[in-house]
mmCIF file of all heavy atoms, coordinates in Angstrom:
data_MODEL
# 
_entry.id   MODEL 
# 
loop_
_atom_site.group_PDB 
_atom_site.id 
_atom_site.type_symbol 
_atom_site.label_atom_id 
_atom_site.label_alt_id 
_atom_site.label_comp_id 
_atom_site.label_asym_id 
_atom_site.label_entity_id 
_atom_site.label_seq_id 
_atom_site.pdbx_PDB_ins_code 
_atom_site.Cartn_x 
_atom_site.Cartn_y 
_atom_site.Cartn_z 
_atom_site.occupancy 
_atom_site.B_iso_or_equiv 
_atom_site.pdbx_formal_charge 
_atom_site.auth_seq_id 
_atom_site.auth_comp_id 
_atom_site.auth_asym_id 
_atom_site.auth_atom_id 
_atom_site.pdbx_PDB_model_num 
ATOM 1   N N   . HIS A 1 1  ? 0.800  -1.225  0.000  1.00 0.00 ? 1  HIS A N   1 
ATOM 2   C CA  . HIS A 1 1  ? 0.000  0.000   0.000  1.00 0.00 ? 1  HIS A CA  1 
ATOM 3   C C   . HIS A 1 1  ? 0.825  1.264   0.000  1.00 0.00 ? 1  HIS A C   1 
ATOM 4   O O   . HIS A 1 1  ? 0.290  2.347   -0.154 1.00 0.00 ? 1  HIS A O   1 
ATOM 5   C CB  . HIS A 1 1  ? -0.966 0.021   1.185  1.00 0.00 ? 1  HIS A CB  1 
ATOM 6   C CG  . HIS A 1 1  ? -1.996 -1.055  1.118  1.00 0.00 ? 1  HIS A CG  1 
ATOM 7   N ND1 . HIS A 1 1  ? -2.990 -1.073  0.185  1.00 0.00 ? 1  HIS A ND1 1 
ATOM 8   C CD2 . HIS A 1 1  ? -2.167 -2.162  1.857  1.00 0.00 ? 1  HIS A CD2 1 
ATOM 9   C CE1 . HIS A 1 1  ? -3.741 -2.154  0.350  1.00 0.00 ? 1  HIS A CE1 1 
ATOM 10  N NE2 . HIS A 1 1  ? -3.258 -2.837  1.353  1.00 0.00 ? 1  HIS A NE2 1 
ATOM 11  N N   . LYS A 1 2  ? 2.112  1.152   0.223  1.00 0.00 ? 2  LYS A N   1 
ATOM 12  C CA  . LYS A 1 2  ? 3.017  2.303   0.213  1.00 0.00 ? 2  LYS A CA  1 
ATOM 13  C C   . LYS A 1 2  ? 2.512  3.446   1.092  1.00 0.00 ? 2  LYS A C   1 
ATOM 14  O O   . LYS A 1 2  ? 2.444  4.595   0.685  1.00 0.00 ? 2  LYS A O   1 
ATOM 15  C CB  . LYS A 1 2  ? 3.258  2.805   -1.210 1.00 0.00 ? 2  LYS A CB  1 
ATOM 16  C CG  . LYS A 1 2  ? 3.806  1.744   -2.139 1.00 0.00 ? 2  LYS A CG  1 
ATOM 17  C CD  . LYS A 1 2  ? 5.156  1.255   -1.683 1.00 0.00 ? 2  LYS A CD  1 
ATOM 18  C CE  . LYS A 1 2  ? 5.681  0.196   -2.642 1.00 0.00 ? 2  LYS A CE  1 
ATOM 19  N NZ  . LYS A 1 2  ? 6.762  -0.575  -2.110 1.00 0.00 ? 2  LYS A NZ  1 
ATOM 20  N N   . ALA A 1 3  ? 2.139  3.134   2.310  1.00 0.00 ? 3  ALA A N   1 
ATOM 21  C CA  . ALA A 1 3  ? 1.679  4.140   3.258  1.00 0.00 ? 3  ALA A CA  1 
ATOM 22  C C   . ALA A 1 3  ? 2.828  5.050   3.663  1.00 0.00 ? 3  ALA A C   1 
ATOM 23  O O   . ALA A 1 3  ? 4.005  4.695   3.526  1.00 0.00 ? 3  ALA A O   1 
ATOM 24  C CB  . ALA A 1 3  ? 1.103  3.462   4.508  1.00 0.00 ? 3  ALA A CB  1 
ATOM 25  N N   . SER A 1 4  ? 2.485  6.208   4.179  1.00 0.00 ? 4  SER A N   1 
ATOM 26  C CA  . SER A 1 4  ? 3.506  7.141   4.661  1.00 0.00 ? 4  SER A CA  1 
ATOM 27  C C   . SER A 1 4  ? 4.150  6.582   5.926  1.00 0.00 ? 4  SER A C   1 
ATOM 28  O O   . SER A 1 4  ? 3.646  5.640   6.544  1.00 0.00 ? 4  SER A O   1 
ATOM 29  C CB  . SER A 1 4  ? 2.871  8.494   4.982  1.00 0.00 ? 4  SER A CB  1 
ATOM 30  O OG  . SER A 1 4  ? 2.104  8.395   6.174  1.00 0.00 ? 4  SER A OG  1 
ATOM 31  N N   . ILE A 1 5  ? 5.228  7.202   6.327  1.00 0.00 ? 5  ILE A N   1 
ATOM 32  C CA  . ILE A 1 5  ? 5.914  6.777   7.547  1.00 0.00 ? 5  ILE A CA  1 
ATOM 33  C C   . ILE A 1 5  ? 4.995  6.959   8.759  1.00 0.00 ? 5  ILE A C   1 
ATOM 34  O O   . ILE A 1 5  ? 5.047  6.174   9.701  1.00 0.00 ? 5  ILE A O   1 
ATOM 35  C CB  . ILE A 1 5  ? 7.261  7.514   7.714  1.00 0.00 ? 5  ILE A CB  1 
ATOM 36  C CG1 . ILE A 1 5  ? 8.123  6.794   8.753  1.00 0.00 ? 5  ILE A CG1 1 
ATOM 37  C CG2 . ILE A 1 5  ? 7.048  8.975   8.035  1.00 0.00 ? 5  ILE A CG2 1 
ATOM 38  C CD1 . ILE A 1 5  ? 9.560  7.237   8.750  1.00 0.00 ? 5  ILE A CD1 1 
ATOM 39  N N   . TYR A 1 6  ? 4.125  7.964   8.717  1.00 0.00 ? 6  TYR A N   1 
ATOM 40  C CA  . TYR A 1 6  ? 3.182  8.172   9.818  1.00 0.00 ? 6  TYR A CA  1 
ATOM 41  C C   . TYR A 1 6  ? 2.169  7.037   9.879  1.00 0.00 ? 6  TYR A C   1 
ATOM 42  O O   . TYR A 1 6  ? 1.890  6.503   10.948 1.00 0.00 ? 6  TYR A O   1 
ATOM 43  C CB  . TYR A 1 6  ? 2.469  9.529   9.669  1.00 0.00 ? 6  TYR A CB  1 
ATOM 44  C CG  . TYR A 1 6  ? 3.355  10.684  10.069 1.00 0.00 ? 6  TYR A CG  1 
ATOM 45  C CD1 . TYR A 1 6  ? 4.197  11.287  9.144  1.00 0.00 ? 6  TYR A CD1 1 
ATOM 46  C CD2 . TYR A 1 6  ? 3.372  11.160  11.368 1.00 0.00 ? 6  TYR A CD2 1 
ATOM 47  C CE1 . TYR A 1 6  ? 5.023  12.336  9.504  1.00 0.00 ? 6  TYR A CE1 1 
ATOM 48  C CE2 . TYR A 1 6  ? 4.190  12.203  11.742 1.00 0.00 ? 6  TYR A CE2 1 
ATOM 49  C CZ  . TYR A 1 6  ? 5.020  12.786  10.807 1.00 0.00 ? 6  TYR A CZ  1 
ATOM 50  O OH  . TYR A 1 6  ? 5.839  13.818  11.181 1.00 0.00 ? 6  TYR A OH  1 
ATOM 51  N N   . GLY A 1 7  ? 1.631  6.676   8.735  1.00 0.00 ? 7  GLY A N   1 
ATOM 52  C CA  . GLY A 1 7  ? 0.675  5.574   8.698  1.00 0.00 ? 7  GLY A CA  1 
ATOM 53  C C   . GLY A 1 7  ? 1.294  4.280   9.171  1.00 0.00 ? 7  GLY A C   1 
ATOM 54  O O   . GLY A 1 7  ? 0.716  3.548   9.980  1.00 0.00 ? 7  GLY A O   1 
ATOM 55  N N   . LEU A 1 8  ? 2.506  3.987   8.686  1.00 0.00 ? 8  LEU A N   1 
ATOM 56  C CA  . LEU A 1 8  ? 3.181  2.751   9.092  1.00 0.00 ? 8  LEU A CA  1 
ATOM 57  C C   . LEU A 1 8  ? 3.484  2.729   10.583 1.00 0.00 ? 8  LEU A C   1 
ATOM 58  O O   . LEU A 1 8  ? 3.289  1.714   11.243 1.00 0.00 ? 8  LEU A O   1 
ATOM 59  C CB  . LEU A 1 8  ? 4.479  2.569   8.310  1.00 0.00 ? 8  LEU A CB  1 
ATOM 60  C CG  . LEU A 1 8  ? 4.361  2.056   6.903  1.00 0.00 ? 8  LEU A CG  1 
ATOM 61  C CD1 . LEU A 1 8  ? 5.740  1.923   6.270  1.00 0.00 ? 8  LEU A CD1 1 
ATOM 62  C CD2 . LEU A 1 8  ? 3.639  0.720   6.853  1.00 0.00 ? 8  LEU A CD2 1 
ATOM 63  N N   . SER A 1 9  ? 3.975  3.829   11.092 1.00 0.00 ? 9  SER A N   1 
ATOM 64  C CA  . SER A 1 9  ? 4.356  3.874   12.498 1.00 0.00 ? 9  SER A CA  1 
ATOM 65  C C   . SER A 1 9  ? 3.144  3.721   13.411 1.00 0.00 ? 9  SER A C   1 
ATOM 66  O O   . SER A 1 9  ? 3.184  2.981   14.400 1.00 0.00 ? 9  SER A O   1 
ATOM 67  C CB  . SER A 1 9  ? 5.083  5.183   12.804 1.00 0.00 ? 9  SER A CB  1 
ATOM 68  O OG  . SER A 1 9  ? 5.518  5.205   14.142 1.00 0.00 ? 9  SER A OG  1 
ATOM 69  N N   . ILE A 1 10 ? 2.072  4.397   13.084 1.00 0.00 ? 10 ILE A N   1 
ATOM 70  C CA  . ILE A 1 10 ? 0.857  4.302   13.909 1.00 0.00 ? 10 ILE A CA  1 
ATOM 71  C C   . ILE A 1 10 ? 0.279  2.897   13.834 1.00 0.00 ? 10 ILE A C   1 
ATOM 72  O O   . ILE A 1 10 ? -0.073 2.305   14.856 1.00 0.00 ? 10 ILE A O   1 
ATOM 73  C CB  . ILE A 1 10 ? -0.167 5.385   13.498 1.00 0.00 ? 10 ILE A CB  1 
ATOM 74  C CG1 . ILE A 1 10 ? 0.374  6.768   13.886 1.00 0.00 ? 10 ILE A CG1 1 
ATOM 75  C CG2 . ILE A 1 10 ? -1.532 5.122   14.142 1.00 0.00 ? 10 ILE A CG2 1 
ATOM 76  C CD1 . ILE A 1 10 ? -0.401 7.930   13.301 1.00 0.00 ? 10 ILE A CD1 1 
ATOM 77  N N   . ILE A 1 11 ? 0.195  2.343   12.640 1.00 0.00 ? 11 ILE A N   1 
ATOM 78  C CA  . ILE A 1 11 ? -0.328 0.982   12.493 1.00 0.00 ? 11 ILE A CA  1 
ATOM 79  C C   . ILE A 1 11 ? 0.559  -0.016  13.230 1.00 0.00 ? 11 ILE A C   1 
ATOM 80  O O   . ILE A 1 11 ? 0.077  -0.932  13.899 1.00 0.00 ? 11 ILE A O   1 
ATOM 81  C CB  . ILE A 1 11 ? -0.483 0.624   10.999 1.00 0.00 ? 11 ILE A CB  1 
ATOM 82  C CG1 . ILE A 1 11 ? -1.674 1.400   10.428 1.00 0.00 ? 11 ILE A CG1 1 
ATOM 83  C CG2 . ILE A 1 11 ? -0.651 -0.870  10.798 1.00 0.00 ? 11 ILE A CG2 1 
ATOM 84  C CD1 . ILE A 1 11 ? -1.782 1.381   8.936  1.00 0.00 ? 11 ILE A CD1 1 
ATOM 85  N N   . SER A 1 12 ? 1.862  0.168   13.121 1.00 0.00 ? 12 SER A N   1 
ATOM 86  C CA  . SER A 1 12 ? 2.794  -0.705  13.828 1.00 0.00 ? 12 SER A CA  1 
ATOM 87  C C   . SER A 1 12 ? 2.563  -0.642  15.335 1.00 0.00 ? 12 SER A C   1 
ATOM 88  O O   . SER A 1 12 ? 2.503  -1.677  16.010 1.00 0.00 ? 12 SER A O   1 
ATOM 89  C CB  . SER A 1 12 ? 4.236  -0.304  13.507 1.00 0.00 ? 12 SER A CB  1 
ATOM 90  O OG  . SER A 1 12 ? 5.141  -1.114  14.208 1.00 0.00 ? 12 SER A OG  1 
ATOM 91  N N   . ALA A 1 13 ? 2.420  0.563   15.863 1.00 0.00 ? 13 ALA A N   1 
ATOM 92  C CA  . ALA A 1 13 ? 2.173  0.716   17.308 1.00 0.00 ? 13 ALA A CA  1 
ATOM 93  C C   . ALA A 1 13 ? 0.855  0.068   17.720 1.00 0.00 ? 13 ALA A C   1 
ATOM 94  O O   . ALA A 1 13 ? 0.780  -0.606  18.756 1.00 0.00 ? 13 ALA A O   1 
ATOM 95  C CB  . ALA A 1 13 ? 2.182  2.202   17.684 1.00 0.00 ? 13 ALA A CB  1 
ATOM 96  N N   . LEU A 1 14 ? -0.176 0.238   16.912 1.00 0.00 ? 14 LEU A N   1 
ATOM 97  C CA  . LEU A 1 14 ? -1.478 -0.338  17.235 1.00 0.00 ? 14 LEU A CA  1 
ATOM 98  C C   . LEU A 1 14 ? -1.417 -1.863  17.249 1.00 0.00 ? 14 LEU A C   1 
ATOM 99  O O   . LEU A 1 14 ? -1.925 -2.512  18.173 1.00 0.00 ? 14 LEU A O   1 
ATOM 100 C CB  . LEU A 1 14 ? -2.542 0.145   16.251 1.00 0.00 ? 14 LEU A CB  1 
ATOM 101 C CG  . LEU A 1 14 ? -2.831 1.644   16.242 1.00 0.00 ? 14 LEU A CG  1 
ATOM 102 C CD1 . LEU A 1 14 ? -3.870 1.982   15.181 1.00 0.00 ? 14 LEU A CD1 1 
ATOM 103 C CD2 . LEU A 1 14 ? -3.257 2.147   17.612 1.00 0.00 ? 14 LEU A CD2 1 
ATOM 104 N N   . PHE A 1 15 ? -0.785 -2.441  16.238 1.00 0.00 ? 15 PHE A N   1 
ATOM 105 C CA  . PHE A 1 15 ? -0.722 -3.902  16.185 1.00 0.00 ? 15 PHE A CA  1 
ATOM 106 C C   . PHE A 1 15 ? 0.250  -4.487  17.207 1.00 0.00 ? 15 PHE A C   1 
ATOM 107 O O   . PHE A 1 15 ? 0.090  -5.634  17.626 1.00 0.00 ? 15 PHE A O   1 
ATOM 108 C CB  . PHE A 1 15 ? -0.443 -4.393  14.762 1.00 0.00 ? 15 PHE A CB  1 
ATOM 109 C CG  . PHE A 1 15 ? -1.695 -4.447  13.945 1.00 0.00 ? 15 PHE A CG  1 
ATOM 110 C CD1 . PHE A 1 15 ? -2.065 -3.378  13.148 1.00 0.00 ? 15 PHE A CD1 1 
ATOM 111 C CD2 . PHE A 1 15 ? -2.537 -5.551  14.012 1.00 0.00 ? 15 PHE A CD2 1 
ATOM 112 C CE1 . PHE A 1 15 ? -3.248 -3.415  12.416 1.00 0.00 ? 15 PHE A CE1 1 
ATOM 113 C CE2 . PHE A 1 15 ? -3.715 -5.600  13.285 1.00 0.00 ? 15 PHE A CE2 1 
ATOM 114 C CZ  . PHE A 1 15 ? -4.071 -4.531  12.491 1.00 0.00 ? 15 PHE A CZ  1 
ATOM 115 N N   . HIS A 1 16 ? 1.217  -3.701  17.629 1.00 0.00 ? 16 HIS A N   1 
ATOM 116 C CA  . HIS A 1 16 ? 2.073  -4.141  18.733 1.00 0.00 ? 16 HIS A CA  1 
ATOM 117 C C   . HIS A 1 16 ? 1.216  -4.323  19.987 1.00 0.00 ? 16 HIS A C   1 
ATOM 118 O O   . HIS A 1 16 ? 1.319  -5.336  20.682 1.00 0.00 ? 16 HIS A O   1 
ATOM 119 C CB  . HIS A 1 16 ? 3.190  -3.117  18.991 1.00 0.00 ? 16 HIS A CB  1 
ATOM 120 C CG  . HIS A 1 16 ? 4.152  -3.552  20.034 1.00 0.00 ? 16 HIS A CG  1 
ATOM 121 N ND1 . HIS A 1 16 ? 5.257  -4.310  19.748 1.00 0.00 ? 16 HIS A ND1 1 
ATOM 122 C CD2 . HIS A 1 16 ? 4.167  -3.355  21.369 1.00 0.00 ? 16 HIS A CD2 1 
ATOM 123 C CE1 . HIS A 1 16 ? 5.912  -4.555  20.867 1.00 0.00 ? 16 HIS A CE1 1 
ATOM 124 N NE2 . HIS A 1 16 ? 5.270  -3.977  21.861 1.00 0.00 ? 16 HIS A NE2 1 
ATOM 125 N N   . GLN A 1 17 ? 0.350  -3.359  20.232 1.00 0.00 ? 17 GLN A N   1 
ATOM 126 C CA  . GLN A 1 17 ? -0.544 -3.430  21.395 1.00 0.00 ? 17 GLN A CA  1 
ATOM 127 C C   . GLN A 1 17 ? -1.518 -4.605  21.265 1.00 0.00 ? 17 GLN A C   1 
ATOM 128 O O   . GLN A 1 17 ? -1.760 -5.325  22.238 1.00 0.00 ? 17 GLN A O   1 
ATOM 129 C CB  . GLN A 1 17 ? -1.327 -2.114  21.556 1.00 0.00 ? 17 GLN A CB  1 
ATOM 130 C CG  . GLN A 1 17 ? -0.473 -0.881  21.673 1.00 0.00 ? 17 GLN A CG  1 
ATOM 131 C CD  . GLN A 1 17 ? 0.293  -0.795  22.971 1.00 0.00 ? 17 GLN A CD  1 
ATOM 132 O OE1 . GLN A 1 17 ? 0.631  -1.780  23.606 1.00 0.00 ? 17 GLN A OE1 1 
ATOM 133 N NE2 . GLN A 1 17 ? 0.596  0.423   23.383 1.00 0.00 ? 17 GLN A NE2 1 
ATOM 134 N N   . VAL A 1 18 ? -2.067 -4.787  20.078 1.00 0.00 ? 18 VAL A N   1 
ATOM 135 C CA  . VAL A 1 18 ? -2.995 -5.905  19.852 1.00 0.00 ? 18 VAL A CA  1 
ATOM 136 C C   . VAL A 1 18 ? -2.290 -7.237  20.113 1.00 0.00 ? 18 VAL A C   1 
ATOM 137 O O   . VAL A 1 18 ? -2.824 -8.121  20.783 1.00 0.00 ? 18 VAL A O   1 
ATOM 138 C CB  . VAL A 1 18 ? -3.576 -5.869  18.412 1.00 0.00 ? 18 VAL A CB  1 
ATOM 139 C CG1 . VAL A 1 18 ? -4.317 -7.160  18.085 1.00 0.00 ? 18 VAL A CG1 1 
ATOM 140 C CG2 . VAL A 1 18 ? -4.495 -4.656  18.251 1.00 0.00 ? 18 VAL A CG2 1 
ATOM 141 N N   . GLY A 1 19 ? -1.072 -7.379  19.591 1.00 0.00 ? 19 GLY A N   1 
ATOM 142 C CA  . GLY A 1 19 ? -0.314 -8.617  19.796 1.00 0.00 ? 19 GLY A CA  1 
ATOM 143 C C   . GLY A 1 19 ? -0.070 -8.897  21.267 1.00 0.00 ? 19 GLY A C   1 
ATOM 144 O O   . GLY A 1 19 ? -0.208 -10.039 21.735 1.00 0.00 ? 19 GLY A O   1 
ATOM 145 N N   . GLN A 1 20 ? 0.280  -7.866  22.009 1.00 0.00 ? 20 GLN A N   1 
ATOM 146 C CA  . GLN A 1 20 ? 0.533  -8.055  23.433 1.00 0.00 ? 20 GLN A CA  1 
ATOM 147 C C   . GLN A 1 20 ? -0.743 -8.422  24.193 1.00 0.00 ? 20 GLN A C   1 
ATOM 148 O O   . GLN A 1 20 ? -0.727 -9.320  25.031 1.00 0.00 ? 20 GLN A O   1 
ATOM 149 C CB  . GLN A 1 20 ? 1.170  -6.805  24.031 1.00 0.00 ? 20 GLN A CB  1 
ATOM 150 C CG  . GLN A 1 20 ? 2.602  -6.634  23.585 1.00 0.00 ? 20 GLN A CG  1 
ATOM 151 C CD  . GLN A 1 20 ? 3.315  -5.531  24.328 1.00 0.00 ? 20 GLN A CD  1 
ATOM 152 O OE1 . GLN A 1 20 ? 2.724  -4.534  24.721 1.00 0.00 ? 20 GLN A OE1 1 
ATOM 153 N NE2 . GLN A 1 20 ? 4.612  -5.710  24.521 1.00 0.00 ? 20 GLN A NE2 1 
ATOM 154 N N   . ILE A 1 21 ? -1.822 -7.746  23.903 1.00 0.00 ? 21 ILE A N   1 
ATOM 155 C CA  . ILE A 1 21 ? -3.092 -8.058  24.583 1.00 0.00 ? 21 ILE A CA  1 
ATOM 156 C C   . ILE A 1 21 ? -3.529 -9.483  24.265 1.00 0.00 ? 21 ILE A C   1 
ATOM 157 O O   . ILE A 1 21 ? -3.958 -10.231 25.148 1.00 0.00 ? 21 ILE A O   1 
ATOM 158 C CB  . ILE A 1 21 ? -4.199 -7.049  24.204 1.00 0.00 ? 21 ILE A CB  1 
ATOM 159 C CG1 . ILE A 1 21 ? -3.952 -5.710  24.889 1.00 0.00 ? 21 ILE A CG1 1 
ATOM 160 C CG2 . ILE A 1 21 ? -5.588 -7.574  24.541 1.00 0.00 ? 21 ILE A CG2 1 
ATOM 161 C CD1 . ILE A 1 21 ? -4.148 -5.711  26.404 1.00 0.00 ? 21 ILE A CD1 1 
ATOM 162 N N   . LEU A 1 22 ? -3.426 -9.882  23.000 1.00 0.00 ? 22 LEU A N   1 
ATOM 163 C CA  . LEU A 1 22 ? -3.804 -11.253 22.632 1.00 0.00 ? 22 LEU A CA  1 
ATOM 164 C C   . LEU A 1 22 ? -2.954 -12.273 23.391 1.00 0.00 ? 22 LEU A C   1 
ATOM 165 O O   . LEU A 1 22 ? -3.471 -13.290 23.871 1.00 0.00 ? 22 LEU A O   1 
ATOM 166 C CB  . LEU A 1 22 ? -3.683 -11.462 21.131 1.00 0.00 ? 22 LEU A CB  1 
ATOM 167 C CG  . LEU A 1 22 ? -4.708 -10.735 20.261 1.00 0.00 ? 22 LEU A CG  1 
ATOM 168 C CD1 . LEU A 1 22 ? -4.376 -10.901 18.786 1.00 0.00 ? 22 LEU A CD1 1 
ATOM 169 C CD2 . LEU A 1 22 ? -6.120 -11.205 20.573 1.00 0.00 ? 22 LEU A CD2 1 
ATOM 170 N N   . MET A 1 23 ? -1.660 -12.013 23.526 1.00 0.00 ? 23 MET A N   1 
ATOM 171 C CA  . MET A 1 23 ? -0.793 -12.947 24.241 1.00 0.00 ? 23 MET A CA  1 
ATOM 172 C C   . MET A 1 23 ? -1.108 -12.978 25.735 1.00 0.00 ? 23 MET A C   1 
ATOM 173 O O   . MET A 1 23 ? -1.095 -14.046 26.343 1.00 0.00 ? 23 MET A O   1 
ATOM 174 C CB  . MET A 1 23 ? 0.679  -12.597 24.012 1.00 0.00 ? 23 MET A CB  1 
ATOM 175 C CG  . MET A 1 23 ? 1.626  -13.596 24.647 1.00 0.00 ? 23 MET A CG  1 
ATOM 176 S SD  . MET A 1 23 ? 1.316  -15.348 24.198 1.00 0.00 ? 23 MET A SD  1 
ATOM 177 C CE  . MET A 1 23 ? 1.809  -15.384 22.506 1.00 0.00 ? 23 MET A CE  1 
ATOM 178 N N   . VAL A 1 24 ? -1.420 -11.843 26.319 1.00 0.00 ? 24 VAL A N   1 
ATOM 179 C CA  . VAL A 1 24 ? -1.828 -11.823 27.729 1.00 0.00 ? 24 VAL A CA  1 
ATOM 180 C C   . VAL A 1 24 ? -3.103 -12.644 27.907 1.00 0.00 ? 24 VAL A C   1 
ATOM 181 O O   . VAL A 1 24 ? -3.238 -13.416 28.863 1.00 0.00 ? 24 VAL A O   1 
ATOM 182 C CB  . VAL A 1 24 ? -2.033 -10.377 28.241 1.00 0.00 ? 24 VAL A CB  1 
ATOM 183 C CG1 . VAL A 1 24 ? -2.766 -10.347 29.576 1.00 0.00 ? 24 VAL A CG1 1 
ATOM 184 C CG2 . VAL A 1 24 ? -0.691 -9.661  28.363 1.00 0.00 ? 24 VAL A CG2 1 
ATOM 185 N N   . MET A 1 25 ? -4.026 -12.496 26.974 1.00 0.00 ? 25 MET A N   1 
ATOM 186 C CA  . MET A 1 25 ? -5.269 -13.259 27.046 1.00 0.00 ? 25 MET A CA  1 
ATOM 187 C C   . MET A 1 25 ? -4.993 -14.756 26.982 1.00 0.00 ? 25 MET A C   1 
ATOM 188 O O   . MET A 1 25 ? -5.625 -15.540 27.690 1.00 0.00 ? 25 MET A O   1 
ATOM 189 C CB  . MET A 1 25 ? -6.215 -12.825 25.922 1.00 0.00 ? 25 MET A CB  1 
ATOM 190 C CG  . MET A 1 25 ? -6.764 -11.419 26.109 1.00 0.00 ? 25 MET A CG  1 
ATOM 191 S SD  . MET A 1 25 ? -7.615 -10.749 24.654 1.00 0.00 ? 25 MET A SD  1 
ATOM 192 C CE  . MET A 1 25 ? -8.906 -11.944 24.403 1.00 0.00 ? 25 MET A CE  1 
ATOM 193 N N   . VAL A 1 26 ? -4.037 -15.162 26.150 1.00 0.00 ? 26 VAL A N   1 
ATOM 194 C CA  . VAL A 1 26 ? -3.692 -16.582 26.024 1.00 0.00 ? 26 VAL A CA  1 
ATOM 195 C C   . VAL A 1 26 ? -2.946 -17.067 27.264 1.00 0.00 ? 26 VAL A C   1 
ATOM 196 O O   . VAL A 1 26 ? -3.291 -18.109 27.839 1.00 0.00 ? 26 VAL A O   1 
ATOM 197 C CB  . VAL A 1 26 ? -2.838 -16.821 24.748 1.00 0.00 ? 26 VAL A CB  1 
ATOM 198 C CG1 . VAL A 1 26 ? -2.235 -18.211 24.746 1.00 0.00 ? 26 VAL A CG1 1 
ATOM 199 C CG2 . VAL A 1 26 ? -3.683 -16.596 23.504 1.00 0.00 ? 26 VAL A CG2 1 
# 
């Protein structure tokens, strides 16, 4: 999708949080 650095960074931060929450749940 060739997102901007802002889009990539924000999405990366959001999915980092999602990954951690999912692992805590497991």
